[in-house]
C-alpha atoms as a PDB file:
ATOM      1  CA  MET A   1     127.937  78.534 108.203  1.00  0.00           C
ATOM      2  CA  ILE A   2     126.580  76.772 111.249  1.00  0.00           C
ATOM      3  CA  ASP A   3     127.767  77.168 114.810  1.00  0.00           C
ATOM      4  CA  HIS A   4     126.520  75.184 117.754  1.00  0.00           C
ATOM      5  CA  ASP A   5     126.684  74.960 121.500  1.00  0.00           C
ATOM      6  CA  PRO A   6     126.854  71.327 122.564  1.00  0.00           C
ATOM      7  CA  ASP A   7     126.063  72.220 126.185  1.00  0.00           C
ATOM      8  CA  GLY A   8     122.821  73.978 125.354  1.00  0.00           C
ATOM      9  CA  ASP A   9     121.933  71.854 122.339  1.00  0.00           C
ATOM     10  CA  VAL A  10     121.540  75.040 120.274  1.00  0.00           C
ATOM     11  CA  ILE A  11     122.626  75.806 116.708  1.00  0.00           C
ATOM     12  CA  LEU A  12     123.107  79.111 114.907  1.00  0.00           C
ATOM     13  CA  ILE A  13     122.830  79.547 111.152  1.00  0.00           C
ATOM     14  CA  GLU A  14     125.357  82.338 110.786  1.00  0.00           C
ATOM     15  CA  ARG A  15     124.071  84.080 107.645  1.00  0.00           C
ATOM     16  CA  TRP A  16     120.405  83.732 108.517  1.00  0.00           C
ATOM     17  CA  PHE A  17     119.724  87.449 108.940  1.00  0.00           C
ATOM     18  CA  ARG A  18     121.612  88.367 105.791  1.00  0.00           C
ATOM     19  CA  HIS A  19     119.078  86.369 103.792  1.00  0.00           C
ATOM     20  CA  ASN A  20     116.081  86.844 106.114  1.00  0.00           C
ATOM     21  CA  PRO A  21     116.298  90.363 107.558  1.00  0.00           C
ATOM     22  CA  PRO A  22     113.489  91.866 109.621  1.00  0.00           C
ATOM     23  CA  THR A  23     110.830  93.435 107.419  1.00  0.00           C
ATOM     24  CA  ASN A  24     109.551  96.150 109.764  1.00  0.00           C
ATOM     25  CA  ASP A  25     109.931  97.589 113.259  1.00  0.00           C
ATOM     26  CA  ASP A  26     107.541  95.134 114.909  1.00  0.00           C
ATOM     27  CA  HIS A  27     109.295  92.188 113.288  1.00  0.00           C
ATOM     28  CA  ALA A  28     112.653  93.533 114.474  1.00  0.00           C
ATOM     29  CA  LEU A  29     111.372  94.033 118.017  1.00  0.00           C
ATOM     30  CA  GLY A  30     109.973  90.514 118.226  1.00  0.00           C
ATOM     31  CA  THR A  31     113.113  88.995 116.741  1.00  0.00           C
ATOM     32  CA  ARG A  32     115.330  90.843 119.200  1.00  0.00           C
ATOM     33  CA  ARG A  33     113.167  89.602 122.067  1.00  0.00           C
ATOM     34  CA  ARG A  34     113.565  86.020 120.863  1.00  0.00           C
ATOM     35  CA  LEU A  35     117.321  86.438 120.433  1.00  0.00           C
ATOM     36  CA  GLN A  36     117.681  87.644 124.016  1.00  0.00           C
ATOM     37  CA  ALA A  37     116.143  84.353 125.142  1.00  0.00           C
ATOM     38  CA  ILE A  38     118.949  82.233 123.628  1.00  0.00           C
ATOM     39  CA  GLU A  39     120.595  80.408 126.517  1.00  0.00           C
ATOM     40  CA  SER A  40     124.074  80.107 125.013  1.00  0.00           C
ATOM     41  CA  GLU A  41     125.892  83.391 125.597  1.00  0.00           C
ATOM     42  CA  LYS A  42     128.322  82.768 122.731  1.00  0.00           C
ATOM     43  CA  LEU A  43     125.576  82.066 120.201  1.00  0.00           C
ATOM     44  CA  ARG A  44     123.345  84.841 121.547  1.00  0.00           C
ATOM     45  CA  GLU A  45     126.115  87.412 121.058  1.00  0.00           C
ATOM     46  CA  LYS A  46     126.807  86.191 117.522  1.00  0.00           C
ATOM     47  CA  ALA A  47     123.104  86.153 116.638  1.00  0.00           C
ATOM     48  CA  VAL A  48     122.487  89.631 118.063  1.00  0.00           C
ATOM     49  CA  ALA A  49     125.496  91.043 116.193  1.00  0.00           C
ATOM     50  CA  ALA A  50     124.297  89.540 112.892  1.00  0.00           C
ATOM     51  CA  PHE A  51     120.761  90.744 113.563  1.00  0.00           C
ATOM     52  CA  ASP A  52     121.899  94.282 114.404  1.00  0.00           C
ATOM     53  CA  GLU A  53     123.842  94.464 111.148  1.00  0.00           C
ATOM     54  CA  ALA A  54     120.861  93.302 109.072  1.00  0.00           C
ATOM     55  CA  ASN A  55     118.471  95.563 110.960  1.00  0.00           C
ATOM     56  CA  GLU A  56     120.702  98.608 110.426  1.00  0.00           C
ATOM     57  CA  VAL A  57     120.672  97.944 106.680  1.00  0.00           C
ATOM     58  CA  ARG A  58     116.857  97.777 106.809  1.00  0.00           C
ATOM     59  CA  ILE A  59     116.619 101.043 108.756  1.00  0.00           C
ATOM     60  CA  GLN A  60     118.919 102.838 106.322  1.00  0.00           C
ATOM     61  CA  ARG A  61     116.982 101.484 103.338  1.00  0.00           C
ATOM     62  CA  GLU A  62     113.671 102.641 104.838  1.00  0.00           C
ATOM     63  CA  ALA A  63     115.099 106.093 105.605  1.00  0.00           C
ATOM     64  CA  GLN A  64     116.360 106.430 102.048  1.00  0.00           C
ATOM     65  CA  LYS A  65     112.978 105.416 100.624  1.00  0.00           C
ATOM     66  CA  ALA A  66     111.215 107.921 102.881  1.00  0.00           C
ATOM     67  CA  ALA A  67     113.604 110.698 101.829  1.00  0.00           C
ATOM     68  CA  GLU A  68     113.109 109.877  98.148  1.00  0.00           C
ATOM     69  CA  LYS A  69     109.340 109.837  98.603  1.00  0.00           C
ATOM     70  CA  ALA A  70     109.399 113.196 100.413  1.00  0.00           C
ATOM     71  CA  ALA A  71     111.613 114.729  97.729  1.00  0.00           C
ATOM     72  CA  LYS A  72     109.330 113.446  95.014  1.00  0.00           C
ATOM     73  CA  ALA A  73     106.247 114.768  96.805  1.00  0.00           C
ATOM     74  CA  ALA A  74     107.876 118.173  97.307  1.00  0.00           C
ATOM     75  CA  GLY A  75     108.714 118.365  93.621  1.00  0.00           C
ATOM     76  CA  ASN A  76     105.172 117.477  92.581  1.00  0.00           C
ATOM     77  CA  SER A  77     103.338 120.146  94.570  1.00  0.00           C
ATOM     78  CA  LYS A  78     102.220 122.558  91.858  1.00  0.00           C
ATOM     79  CA  SER A  79      99.095 124.619  91.550  1.00  0.00           C
ATOM     80  CA  VAL A  80      96.588 124.005  88.786  1.00  0.00           C
ATOM     81  CA  SER A  81      97.686 127.160  87.000  1.00  0.00           C
ATOM     82  CA  GLN A  82     101.322 126.027  87.122  1.00  0.00           C
ATOM     83  CA  MET A  83     100.421 122.656  85.641  1.00  0.00           C
ATOM     84  CA  LEU A  84      98.092 123.982  82.932  1.00  0.00           C
ATOM     85  CA  GLY A  85      99.473 127.435  82.339  1.00  0.00           C
ATOM     86  CA  ASP A  86      97.519 130.687  82.652  1.00  0.00           C
ATOM     87  CA  THR A  87      96.687 130.812  78.952  1.00  0.00           C
ATOM     88  CA  SER A  88      95.056 127.393  78.815  1.00  0.00           C
ATOM     89  CA  ARG A  89      91.389 127.306  77.787  1.00  0.00           C
ATOM     90  CA  LEU A  90      90.757 125.062  80.760  1.00  0.00           C
ATOM     91  CA  MET A  91      91.808 127.863  83.111  1.00  0.00           C
ATOM     92  CA  GLY A  92      88.920 129.941  81.793  1.00  0.00           C
ATOM     93  CA  THR A  93      86.225 127.429  82.692  1.00  0.00           C
ATOM     94  CA  ARG A  94      83.763 128.095  85.472  1.00  0.00           C
ATOM     95  CA  ILE A  95      84.880 125.039  87.463  1.00  0.00           C
ATOM     96  CA  VAL A  96      88.522 126.083  87.598  1.00  0.00           C
ATOM     97  CA  ARG A  97      87.741 129.772  88.218  1.00  0.00           C
ATOM     98  CA  GLY A  98      85.158 128.947  90.842  1.00  0.00           C
ATOM     99  CA  ALA A  99      81.384 128.903  90.472  1.00  0.00           C
ATOM    100  CA  ASN A 100      80.879 132.580  91.386  1.00  0.00           C
ATOM    101  CA  ASP A 101      83.903 134.011  89.569  1.00  0.00           C
ATOM    102  CA  THR A 102      83.499 135.949  86.378  1.00  0.00           C
ATOM    103  CA  LEU A 103      86.120 136.528  83.744  1.00  0.00           C
ATOM    104  CA  SER A 104      87.974 139.790  83.993  1.00  0.00           C
END
């Protein structure tokens, strides 16, 4: 659970990033910058590996959400006539036809 480097007086909470992953790209960038500053090579490597794993999960989750959102948006793009149907009374109103249109 906890690893330490007695020479550098540094500790590492091993599952930290599993429970506290980066929340966005800027957070990930700043966290990586801080991890690179860890003096203990052993702990830095372990921390970076754990961070990379958690960050990859975040990236995949965001990509999946974006794909689902795009698919949903593509499925919802219908014209007014498709949503209401051509025989709807609403389709015959001046607002839907356009102000200058007349009925055929």
